[in-house]
Protein backbone atom coordinates (compact mmCIF):
# COMPACT_ATOMS: atom_id res chain seq x y z
CA MET A 1 105.13 86.27 66.95
CA LEU A 2 106.46 83.38 64.97
CA SER A 3 109.90 84.14 63.75
CA SER A 4 111.52 80.87 62.52
CA TYR A 5 110.58 77.31 61.69
CA GLN A 6 113.06 74.49 61.30
CA GLN A 7 112.65 70.83 60.83
CA SER A 8 114.55 67.57 60.49
CA ASP A 9 113.50 64.02 60.06
CA SER A 10 112.05 63.76 63.55
CA LEU A 11 111.86 67.36 64.84
CA ALA A 12 109.99 70.48 64.08
CA ILE A 13 111.34 73.50 65.88
CA VAL A 14 109.18 76.69 66.27
CA ASN A 15 110.73 79.71 67.60
CA PHE A 16 108.91 82.64 68.79
CA SER A 17 109.99 86.39 69.25
CA VAL A 18 107.77 89.53 69.93
CA THR A 19 107.47 92.21 67.37
CA ALA A 20 104.85 94.94 66.89
CA PHE A 21 102.53 93.83 63.98
CA SER A 22 99.30 95.14 62.92
CA PRO A 23 96.23 92.81 63.83
CA GLU A 24 96.06 91.61 60.20
CA ARG A 25 99.54 90.56 60.18
CA LYS A 26 99.18 88.75 63.47
CA VAL A 27 96.31 86.75 61.87
CA VAL A 28 98.72 85.75 59.03
CA PHE A 29 101.42 84.66 61.32
CA PHE A 30 98.91 82.71 63.48
CA TYR A 31 97.52 81.05 60.19
CA ARG A 32 100.95 80.27 59.17
CA PHE A 33 101.79 78.72 62.65
CA VAL A 34 98.82 76.45 62.60
CA LEU A 35 99.59 75.25 59.16
CA GLN A 36 103.27 74.42 60.04
CA VAL A 37 102.22 72.54 63.35
CA SER A 38 99.45 70.66 61.55
CA LYS A 39 102.01 69.60 59.01
CA ALA A 40 104.45 68.39 61.58
CA VAL A 41 101.54 66.49 63.38
CA ALA A 42 100.70 64.90 60.10
CA GLU A 43 104.38 63.62 59.72
CA GLU A 44 104.40 62.75 63.41
CA LYS A 45 107.30 64.84 64.22
CA ARG A 46 108.17 65.87 67.85
CA VAL A 47 107.41 69.64 67.94
CA VAL A 48 109.71 71.86 70.00
CA PHE A 49 108.51 75.39 70.93
CA THR A 50 110.86 77.87 71.97
CA GLY A 51 111.62 81.56 72.63
CA HIS A 52 113.47 84.16 74.66
CA SER A 53 111.92 86.72 76.70
CA SER A 54 108.31 87.30 75.94
CA GLY A 55 108.70 84.85 72.87
CA GLY A 56 109.19 82.30 75.52
CA SER A 57 105.91 83.21 77.16
CA ILE A 58 104.12 82.91 73.76
CA ALA A 59 105.96 79.61 73.15
CA THR A 60 104.68 78.32 76.67
CA LEU A 61 101.03 79.20 75.57
CA ALA A 62 101.54 77.64 72.21
CA ALA A 63 102.87 74.52 73.63
CA ILE A 64 99.89 74.16 76.10
CA TRP A 65 97.55 74.90 73.03
CA PHE A 66 99.34 72.16 71.20
CA LEU A 67 99.09 69.72 74.06
CA GLU A 68 95.26 70.29 74.51
CA ASN A 69 94.51 70.41 70.85
CA CYS A 70 96.75 68.18 69.02
CA THR A 71 98.39 65.60 71.52
CA ARG A 72 95.28 64.53 73.45
CA ARG A 73 93.02 64.74 70.43
CA GLY A 74 95.40 63.72 67.57
CA SER A 75 97.49 60.64 66.62
CA VAL A 76 98.12 58.04 69.10
CA ASN A 77 101.83 58.01 67.64
CA GLN A 78 102.18 61.79 68.29
CA ALA A 79 105.14 62.44 70.52
CA GLN A 80 104.88 64.86 73.37
CA PRO A 81 106.31 68.26 72.37
CA PHE A 82 108.82 70.21 74.34
CA CYS A 83 108.83 73.95 75.21
CA VAL A 84 112.15 75.39 75.81
CA THR A 85 112.38 79.02 77.02
CA PHE A 86 114.97 81.42 78.10
CA GLY A 87 114.11 84.30 80.49
CA ALA A 88 110.30 84.12 79.84
CA PRO A 89 108.03 86.03 81.99
CA LEU A 90 105.50 84.15 84.07
CA VAL A 91 102.31 83.35 82.14
CA GLY A 92 99.52 81.92 84.31
CA ASP A 93 97.98 81.82 87.80
CA ASN A 94 97.43 79.19 90.40
CA VAL A 95 94.47 77.69 88.42
CA PHE A 96 96.53 77.65 85.15
CA ASN A 97 99.40 75.93 86.92
CA HIS A 98 97.14 73.60 88.59
CA ALA A 99 95.60 72.55 85.26
CA VAL A 100 99.10 71.91 83.70
CA ARG A 101 100.38 69.76 86.62
CA ARG A 102 97.05 67.86 86.63
CA GLU A 103 97.52 66.78 83.10
CA GLY A 104 101.27 65.94 83.73
CA TRP A 105 102.50 68.72 81.25
CA SER A 106 104.96 70.23 83.52
CA GLN A 107 107.95 68.04 82.47
CA CYS A 108 107.41 69.24 78.73
CA ILE A 109 107.87 72.94 79.77
CA LEU A 110 111.45 73.76 80.43
CA HIS A 111 112.26 77.31 81.51
CA PHE A 112 115.89 78.34 81.77
CA ILE A 113 116.41 81.18 84.12
CA MET A 114 119.47 83.26 85.09
CA PRO A 115 119.18 83.65 88.95
CA LEU A 116 119.29 87.45 88.66
CA ASP A 117 117.17 87.99 85.60
CA ILE A 118 114.44 90.41 86.43
CA ILE A 119 112.28 89.81 83.34
CA PRO A 120 110.53 86.54 84.40
CA ARG A 121 109.59 88.32 87.60
CA ILE A 122 107.94 91.24 85.90
CA PRO A 123 104.31 89.95 86.24
CA LEU A 124 104.84 89.53 89.90
CA ALA A 125 104.63 93.31 90.14
CA PRO A 126 100.98 94.65 90.29
CA LEU A 127 100.03 96.22 86.99
CA SER A 128 97.78 98.92 88.31
CA SER A 129 100.60 100.46 90.27
CA SER A 130 103.58 99.64 88.16
CA ARG A 131 102.40 100.29 84.56
CA GLU A 132 104.63 103.24 83.78
CA GLN A 133 107.68 101.46 85.49
CA ILE A 134 107.07 98.23 83.40
CA GLN A 135 106.81 100.33 80.17
CA SER A 136 110.26 101.96 81.19
CA VAL A 137 111.90 98.57 81.53
CA LEU A 138 110.37 97.27 78.35
CA ASP A 139 111.78 100.53 76.51
CA TRP A 140 115.15 99.73 77.94
CA LEU A 141 115.06 96.25 76.48
CA SER A 142 113.81 97.73 73.16
CA PRO A 143 115.94 100.71 72.01
CA HIS A 144 114.04 101.07 69.03
CA SER A 145 110.88 101.86 70.94
CA PRO A 146 109.41 105.39 70.25
CA ASN A 147 109.51 105.94 74.20
CA PHE A 148 113.14 104.84 74.50
CA SER A 149 114.88 107.32 77.13
CA PRO A 150 118.10 105.88 78.65
CA VAL A 151 118.22 108.99 80.85
CA GLY A 152 114.78 108.62 82.25
CA ASN A 153 115.11 104.57 82.62
CA SER A 154 118.30 105.19 84.81
CA LEU A 155 115.99 106.69 87.43
CA VAL A 156 112.79 104.64 86.92
CA ILE A 157 114.25 101.21 86.80
CA PRO A 158 115.77 101.17 90.24
CA GLU A 159 112.31 102.22 91.50
CA PHE A 160 110.63 99.50 89.61
CA TYR A 161 113.43 97.07 90.84
CA GLU A 162 112.51 97.99 94.46
CA THR A 163 108.68 97.77 93.76
CA LEU A 164 109.12 94.14 92.23
CA LEU A 165 111.26 93.17 95.17
CA ARG A 166 108.39 94.44 97.65
CA SER A 167 105.92 92.73 95.57
CA THR A 168 107.67 89.37 95.30
CA LEU A 169 108.35 89.47 99.17
CA SER A 170 104.53 89.76 99.84
CA ILE A 171 103.59 86.99 97.34
CA ALA A 172 106.45 84.61 98.45
CA SER A 173 105.60 85.25 102.08
CA TYR A 174 101.74 84.81 101.51
CA GLU A 175 102.39 81.58 99.71
CA ALA A 176 104.93 80.49 102.38
CA CYS A 177 102.31 80.96 104.94
CA SER A 178 99.89 78.91 103.30
CA PHE A 179 101.99 75.85 102.66
CA MET A 180 103.66 76.09 105.99
CA GLY A 181 100.11 75.62 107.57
CA CYS A 182 99.49 79.11 108.94
CA THR A 183 95.75 79.38 109.75
CA SER A 184 95.82 83.00 111.16
CA SER A 185 92.62 84.92 109.93
CA ILE A 186 94.96 87.87 108.86
CA LEU A 187 96.07 85.84 105.79
CA GLY A 188 92.48 86.07 104.53
CA THR A 189 92.44 89.90 104.84
CA LEU A 190 95.78 90.57 103.61
CA THR A 191 94.76 90.64 100.05
CA SER A 192 92.13 93.39 100.84
CA PHE A 193 95.04 95.84 101.86
CA ILE A 194 97.89 94.57 99.52
CA GLU A 195 97.29 93.99 95.85
CA LEU A 196 99.08 90.50 95.14
CA SER A 197 99.82 89.67 91.45
CA PRO A 198 97.95 86.36 90.49
CA TYR A 199 100.80 85.08 88.36
CA ARG A 200 102.74 81.93 89.43
CA PRO A 201 105.49 79.68 88.06
CA CYS A 202 104.38 76.96 85.83
CA GLY A 203 106.54 74.12 84.41
CA THR A 204 110.00 72.96 85.13
CA TYR A 205 112.65 75.59 86.00
CA LEU A 206 116.35 75.46 85.45
CA PHE A 207 118.42 78.04 87.18
CA LEU A 208 121.96 78.25 85.61
CA THR A 209 124.40 79.34 88.37
CA SER A 210 127.84 81.09 88.20
CA THR A 211 129.58 77.64 88.66
CA ASP A 212 127.62 76.29 85.51
CA GLN A 213 125.35 73.99 87.32
CA LEU A 214 121.63 73.73 86.57
CA ILE A 215 119.34 73.71 89.59
CA ILE A 216 116.33 71.93 88.54
CA LEU A 217 113.01 72.56 90.34
CA THR A 218 109.51 71.25 89.38
CA ASN A 219 107.83 72.34 92.68
CA SER A 220 106.17 75.70 91.87
CA ASP A 221 106.14 76.82 95.43
CA ALA A 222 109.89 76.24 95.72
CA VAL A 223 110.37 78.22 92.31
CA LEU A 224 108.40 81.09 93.62
CA GLN A 225 110.61 81.33 96.73
CA LEU A 226 113.71 81.12 94.74
CA LEU A 227 112.43 83.94 92.48
CA PHE A 228 112.41 86.02 95.51
CA TYR A 229 115.40 85.04 97.24
CA CYS A 230 117.78 85.12 94.39
CA LEU A 231 117.07 89.01 94.19
CA GLN A 232 117.88 89.78 97.70
CA LEU A 233 120.31 92.54 97.86
CA ASP A 234 123.72 92.10 99.28
CA PRO A 235 124.38 94.41 102.19
CA GLN A 236 127.06 96.22 100.20
CA GLN A 237 125.42 96.52 96.96
CA GLN A 238 123.52 99.56 95.66
CA LEU A 239 120.13 99.47 94.37
CA LEU A 240 121.09 101.00 91.07
CA ASP A 241 123.79 98.53 90.51
CA ALA A 242 121.47 95.54 91.49
CA ALA A 243 118.95 96.92 88.95
CA ALA A 244 121.30 97.34 86.14
CA ARG A 245 122.72 93.78 86.78
CA SER A 246 119.40 92.17 86.74
CA LEU A 247 118.43 93.75 83.55
CA SER A 248 121.88 92.82 81.82
CA ALA A 249 121.40 89.11 83.17
CA HIS A 250 118.49 89.06 80.64
CA TRP A 251 120.99 88.96 77.74
CA GLU A 252 123.42 86.29 78.99
CA TYR A 253 121.42 83.40 77.83
CA GLU A 254 123.58 82.43 75.12
CA SER A 255 125.96 80.94 77.65
CA ILE A 256 123.27 78.39 78.53
CA LYS A 257 122.97 77.29 74.99
CA GLN A 258 126.77 76.81 74.95
CA SER A 259 126.76 75.05 78.46
CA VAL A 260 124.16 72.64 77.44
CA MET A 261 126.11 71.34 74.48
CA GLN A 262 129.01 70.62 77.05
CA GLU A 263 128.97 68.61 80.16
CA ILE A 264 126.99 70.53 82.89
CA GLY A 265 126.05 69.58 86.30
CA CYS A 266 122.28 69.05 87.39
CA VAL A 267 121.36 69.59 91.01
CA ASP A 268 118.00 68.37 92.57
CA TYR A 269 117.81 71.43 94.67
CA LEU A 270 115.02 70.52 97.11
CA ARG A 271 116.79 67.18 97.89
CA ALA A 272 120.10 68.83 98.40
CA ILE A 273 118.52 71.32 100.66
CA SER A 274 116.63 68.81 102.71
CA SER A 275 119.87 66.82 103.45
CA SER A 276 121.81 69.81 104.32
CA LEU A 277 119.41 71.15 106.98
CA PRO A 278 119.91 68.94 110.03
CA GLY A 279 122.42 70.19 112.35
CA ARG A 280 123.34 73.24 110.19
CA GLN A 281 124.44 76.24 112.21
CA MET A 282 125.50 78.81 109.51
CA ASN A 283 123.46 81.71 108.50
CA GLY A 284 123.56 80.83 104.84
CA THR A 285 125.12 78.22 102.51
CA ALA A 286 125.71 77.44 98.84
CA ILE A 287 124.29 74.62 97.21
CA GLY A 288 124.67 74.06 93.56
CA GLY A 289 126.75 77.27 93.37
CA LEU A 290 123.88 79.34 94.52
CA GLU A 291 124.45 81.29 97.81
CA LEU A 292 121.13 81.53 99.87
CA SER A 293 120.26 82.87 103.44
CA LYS A 294 118.93 80.72 106.14
CA GLU A 295 115.38 82.05 105.62
CA ALA A 296 115.61 80.92 102.09
CA MET A 297 116.72 77.41 102.90
CA LEU A 298 113.97 77.16 105.39
CA SER A 299 111.33 78.30 102.98
CA LEU A 300 112.65 76.09 100.24
CA ALA A 301 112.59 73.04 102.54
CA ALA A 302 109.17 73.94 103.86
CA ALA A 303 107.93 73.92 100.30
CA ALA A 304 109.68 70.31 99.52
CA GLN A 305 108.12 69.13 102.82
CA TRP A 306 104.66 70.47 101.77
CA GLU A 307 104.98 68.37 98.38
CA LYS A 308 105.81 65.40 100.47
CA GLN A 309 102.89 65.99 102.76
CA ARG A 310 100.47 66.03 99.82
CA GLU A 311 101.99 62.74 98.67
CA ILE A 312 101.20 61.31 102.17
CA ASN A 313 97.67 62.69 102.24
CA GLN A 314 97.12 61.02 98.86
CA ALA A 315 98.18 57.74 100.25
CA LYS A 316 95.65 58.11 103.23
CA ILE A 317 92.87 58.85 100.78
CA ASP A 318 93.77 55.94 98.56
CA ALA A 319 93.62 53.65 101.65
CA ASN A 320 89.86 54.69 101.95
CA CYS A 321 89.17 53.44 98.37
CA SER A 322 88.21 49.94 99.31
CA LYS A 323 85.63 51.56 101.94
CA ILE A 324 84.15 53.50 99.25
CA GLN A 325 83.90 50.71 96.80
CA GLU A 326 82.13 48.49 99.61
CA ALA A 327 79.53 51.18 100.27
CA LEU A 328 78.97 51.64 96.49
CA LYS A 329 78.38 47.67 96.29
CA SER A 330 75.91 47.97 99.09
CA LEU A 331 73.94 50.67 97.34
CA ASN A 332 74.08 48.89 94.05
CA GLU A 333 72.39 45.86 95.88
CA TYR A 334 69.84 48.29 97.07
CA LYS A 335 69.09 49.51 93.62
CA ARG A 336 68.79 45.95 92.19
CA THR A 337 66.44 44.86 95.11
CA CYS A 338 64.28 47.96 94.31
CA GLU A 339 64.20 46.92 90.62
CA LEU A 340 63.38 43.37 91.28
CA HIS A 341 60.06 44.96 93.14
CA GLU A 342 59.32 46.99 90.00
CA VAL A 343 60.29 50.12 91.89
CA SER A 344 62.86 52.87 91.14
CA TYR A 345 65.39 53.19 93.82
CA TYR A 346 64.91 56.91 93.64
CA ASP A 347 61.28 56.78 94.51
CA SER A 348 61.87 53.99 97.33
CA PHE A 349 64.42 56.16 98.90
CA LYS A 350 62.25 59.10 98.64
CA LEU A 351 59.45 57.55 100.47
CA GLN A 352 61.78 55.90 103.11
CA ARG A 353 59.17 53.36 104.07
CA GLU A 354 61.42 50.19 104.38
CA VAL A 355 64.51 49.14 106.60
CA HIS A 356 66.82 48.97 103.46
CA ASP A 357 65.79 52.66 102.50
CA PHE A 358 67.11 53.62 106.02
CA ASN A 359 70.37 51.46 105.82
CA SER A 360 70.97 53.21 102.17
CA ASN A 361 70.48 56.52 103.76
CA VAL A 362 73.37 55.64 106.33
CA ARG A 363 75.59 54.54 103.35
CA ARG A 364 74.77 57.63 101.56
CA LEU A 365 75.87 59.80 104.60
CA GLU A 366 78.98 57.84 105.04
CA LEU A 367 80.11 58.25 101.45
CA ALA A 368 79.29 61.98 101.73
CA GLY A 369 81.85 62.18 104.58
CA PHE A 370 84.49 60.44 102.58
CA TRP A 371 84.12 62.63 99.48
CA ASP A 372 83.56 65.83 101.22
CA GLU A 373 86.98 65.45 102.80
CA ILE A 374 88.38 64.76 99.75
CA ILE A 375 86.99 67.77 98.11
CA GLU A 376 88.07 70.07 101.00
CA MET A 377 91.63 68.88 100.70
CA LEU A 378 91.81 69.59 96.95
CA ARG A 379 90.17 73.10 97.72
CA ARG A 380 92.99 73.56 100.39
CA ARG A 381 95.70 72.36 98.03
CA GLU A 382 96.53 69.36 100.51
CA LEU A 383 96.60 66.75 97.54
CA PRO A 384 98.86 66.52 94.47
CA ASP A 385 97.60 68.47 91.47
CA ALA A 386 97.64 65.24 89.55
CA PHE A 387 95.17 63.58 92.00
CA GLU A 388 92.01 64.59 90.11
CA GLY A 389 93.28 63.33 86.98
CA ARG A 390 94.09 60.01 88.07
CA GLU A 391 91.91 57.33 86.15
CA GLU A 392 91.04 55.28 89.06
CA TRP A 393 89.64 58.18 90.98
CA VAL A 394 87.91 59.65 87.86
CA ASN A 395 86.06 56.43 87.42
CA LEU A 396 85.16 56.02 90.98
CA GLY A 397 84.04 59.37 91.25
CA THR A 398 81.84 58.98 88.32
CA SER A 399 80.31 55.62 89.62
CA TYR A 400 79.63 57.40 93.01
CA ARG A 401 78.02 60.45 91.26
CA ARG A 402 75.73 58.43 89.17
CA LEU A 403 74.57 55.96 91.86
CA VAL A 404 74.34 58.31 94.92
CA GLU A 405 73.45 61.74 93.49
CA PRO A 406 69.80 60.60 92.81
CA LEU A 407 69.63 59.72 96.48
CA ASP A 408 70.69 63.19 97.57
CA ILE A 409 68.15 64.69 95.14
CA ALA A 410 65.34 62.37 96.66
CA ASN A 411 66.32 63.42 100.20
CA TYR A 412 66.33 67.09 98.87
CA TYR A 413 62.79 67.10 97.54
CA ARG A 414 61.47 64.87 100.24
CA HIS A 415 62.21 67.50 102.73
CA SER A 416 60.91 70.11 100.23
CA LYS A 417 64.10 71.93 100.47
CA ASN A 418 63.42 73.46 96.94
CA GLU A 419 60.51 75.60 98.55
CA ASP A 420 62.71 77.50 100.82
CA THR A 421 66.26 77.05 99.43
CA GLY A 422 65.55 76.96 95.62
CA SER A 423 66.07 74.31 93.05
CA TYR A 424 68.62 71.60 93.61
CA LEU A 425 70.88 72.34 90.58
CA SER A 426 71.19 76.06 91.33
CA LYS A 427 71.30 76.16 95.10
CA GLY A 428 71.40 72.73 96.75
CA ARG A 429 74.12 70.75 94.69
CA PRO A 430 76.98 69.63 96.89
CA ARG A 431 80.63 70.29 95.71
CA ARG A 432 81.35 66.66 95.77
CA TYR A 433 79.18 66.06 92.70
CA LYS A 434 80.40 69.21 90.82
CA TYR A 435 83.88 68.22 91.20
CA THR A 436 83.53 64.56 90.15
CA GLN A 437 81.44 65.65 87.20
CA LYS A 438 84.14 67.97 86.21
CA TRP A 439 86.75 65.31 86.50
CA ARG A 440 85.11 63.17 84.02
CA GLU A 441 84.51 65.98 81.63
CA GLN A 442 88.15 66.96 81.84
CA SER A 443 89.40 63.44 81.54
CA HIS A 444 87.18 62.67 78.43
CA ARG A 445 87.69 65.99 76.98
CA ILE A 446 83.98 66.72 76.74
CA PRO A 447 82.32 70.16 77.24
CA LEU A 448 81.87 71.33 80.80
CA GLY A 449 78.39 70.82 82.00
CA SER A 450 77.55 68.11 79.48
CA SER A 451 77.75 65.02 81.99
CA LEU A 452 74.58 65.81 84.10
CA GLU A 453 72.96 62.49 83.87
CA SER A 454 73.24 61.89 87.54
CA CYS A 455 70.89 65.14 87.87
CA PHE A 456 68.07 63.55 85.85
CA TRP A 457 65.78 63.37 88.74
CA ALA A 458 66.40 67.02 89.80
CA MET A 459 65.37 68.24 86.29
CA SER A 460 62.22 66.07 86.50
CA GLU A 461 61.40 67.39 90.02
CA GLU A 462 61.74 70.90 88.98
CA LEU A 463 59.40 70.49 85.84
CA GLN A 464 56.91 68.63 87.87
CA ALA A 465 57.06 71.63 90.66
CA GLU A 466 56.62 74.30 88.01
CA MET A 467 53.75 72.58 86.57
CA ILE A 468 52.04 72.16 89.95
CA ASN A 469 52.93 76.03 90.71
CA GLY A 470 50.68 76.96 87.54
CA LYS A 471 53.12 76.81 84.49
CA SER A 472 51.65 75.45 81.53
CA PHE A 473 53.03 72.71 79.36
CA GLU A 474 53.41 75.20 76.36
CA ASP A 475 55.61 77.28 78.83
CA LEU A 476 57.90 74.29 79.49
CA LYS A 477 57.60 72.45 76.31
CA ASP A 478 61.04 73.03 75.17
CA ARG A 479 62.67 72.03 78.59
CA VAL A 480 60.53 68.84 78.61
CA GLY A 481 61.66 68.16 75.08
CA LYS A 482 65.26 68.74 76.09
CA LEU A 483 65.10 66.47 79.18
CA GLU A 484 63.70 63.71 76.93
CA SER A 485 66.29 63.94 74.48
CA ASP A 486 69.10 64.03 77.13
CA ALA A 487 67.35 61.00 78.86
CA LEU A 488 67.46 58.88 75.78
CA GLY A 489 71.08 59.67 75.01
CA TRP A 490 72.15 58.87 78.54
CA PHE A 491 70.00 55.74 78.64
CA THR A 492 71.37 54.46 75.22
CA SER A 493 74.96 55.02 76.54
CA GLY A 494 74.24 53.17 79.80
CA ASN A 495 74.57 56.31 81.89
CA LEU A 496 71.07 56.14 83.13
CA GLY A 497 69.27 53.01 84.55
CA ARG A 498 66.28 51.43 83.18
CA ASP A 499 64.46 51.82 86.62
CA VAL A 500 63.68 55.52 85.51
CA PHE A 501 61.15 53.92 82.80
CA LEU A 502 59.55 51.45 85.05
CA SER A 503 55.58 51.87 85.12
CA SER A 504 55.80 52.76 88.70
CA SER A 505 58.29 55.38 88.21
CA SER A 506 57.30 59.01 89.43
CA PHE A 507 58.82 60.21 86.31
CA VAL A 508 56.76 57.80 84.13
CA ILE A 509 53.64 58.67 85.98
CA TRP A 510 54.08 62.41 85.48
CA TRP A 511 55.17 62.12 81.89
CA LYS A 512 51.96 60.21 81.08
CA THR A 513 50.09 63.28 82.23
CA LEU A 514 51.52 65.26 79.30
CA PRO A 515 49.50 66.07 76.29
CA GLU A 516 48.71 62.94 74.18
CA GLN A 517 50.21 64.83 70.99
CA HIS A 518 53.51 65.37 72.70
CA ARG A 519 53.74 61.91 74.12
CA SER A 520 52.96 60.11 70.83
CA ALA A 521 55.78 62.09 69.04
CA SER A 522 58.32 61.88 71.86
CA CYS A 523 61.72 60.31 71.48
CA ILE A 524 61.38 58.24 74.61
CA ALA A 525 57.83 57.00 73.66
CA ARG A 526 59.25 53.52 73.02
CA LEU A 527 60.90 53.38 76.28
CA VAL A 528 57.69 54.18 78.50
CA PRO A 529 55.58 51.17 79.21
CA SER A 530 51.95 51.44 77.92
């Protein structure tokens, strides 16, 4: 919990530590924390969150809470916060890490780690099979615990150390196979037999070596590999000694604080490794004062190469941007041509009677190919985490979704796919539209699922189909009213085209069959031609 708060003219430092408190006292501490942070924000001070051990994990979560709720939604003059932790256990999974990197927050979260410290790695051990061992480690770290038993710990801690080594090896090997491009089907079945912890590194890691050099890593894949390889046992080292040394390392962070105040060497580790690999014949080497095996060096180099490959993939995708814009321009012309003929482009495309309808379908399929490739690359982590947060792609994805998804919906209902597959929204909507919708909602900080303007025609089609199948207006009244309200908001904000309300629009024709009493009181009555 919050243990201290310090401030100066430009800084507010929030330090966390973990102490057992009643739920009521935890609420008091959280309320005090929010008040102090709110005051710092009002005074436009840079907030620094810090903590050692589990206090560092809480500081990490507090910093991300601050970034989400204060920095992005607060004062434009609010400085980015910093989070500085010492020996903090991992706090999030791959999804959590992806979100932090997508937002560009990794550089704000600095984790100082002693290479042998076991505590940051504890979450890598499966909780279900290591609960008692983990509790013994925690008791060793907290002698005031009622379960403190140094005799028992001397036996259990080496067992846990070995369990953790095995778990970290499994996770590091699994992830290394992924970023090295292994396509073996055995990877897909591995997790059915071996329980892998979901926790992964998040933020910027700084490993302090025995030579007083800081090894800096922002690549989370490389951090995970280093967390494993730093614990590899020396052939002459006993398991009991290694376990005791790894626990003792957790209390050596005072040296970091002293070193940071002095001159200290910083090493860009992945760059140093990449430059040392060509022509290297030795079984292991020391870079930045850290001795690693050949296997470790190769794994770290592969993680660096994977990161470079993702950047190369992004450049290739960027090269297709002009092709996407050209296709969208063509479809916009198609939409305008239809409107000139007083026809909704949705209805024209659904009927497929003219040559320009056929040509637009070709464009739709071309664009689907482009976007499906992008989405699959994201799903396979073949693009940088920040890709989907880039403003140009958020805007391009939104333009694509609003213009082209109605054509996919028209094609879906033209072929009556709803009758055997189900509704478009629940069964037929492609990932390319779900992803690009999510990009916009994340970028604009609006509720997930609130940007469904491109699905207007699907909602209309479903209501019409349900009425044809026997449902009464009274059964659907609330949903009709919701669609009308949403349509008005989308139209007013410019996110829904005027062609929806043309007199020949299939939506307008259906809407005019609704009860007169409802239509006269409808919020869209003024938009519908009489």
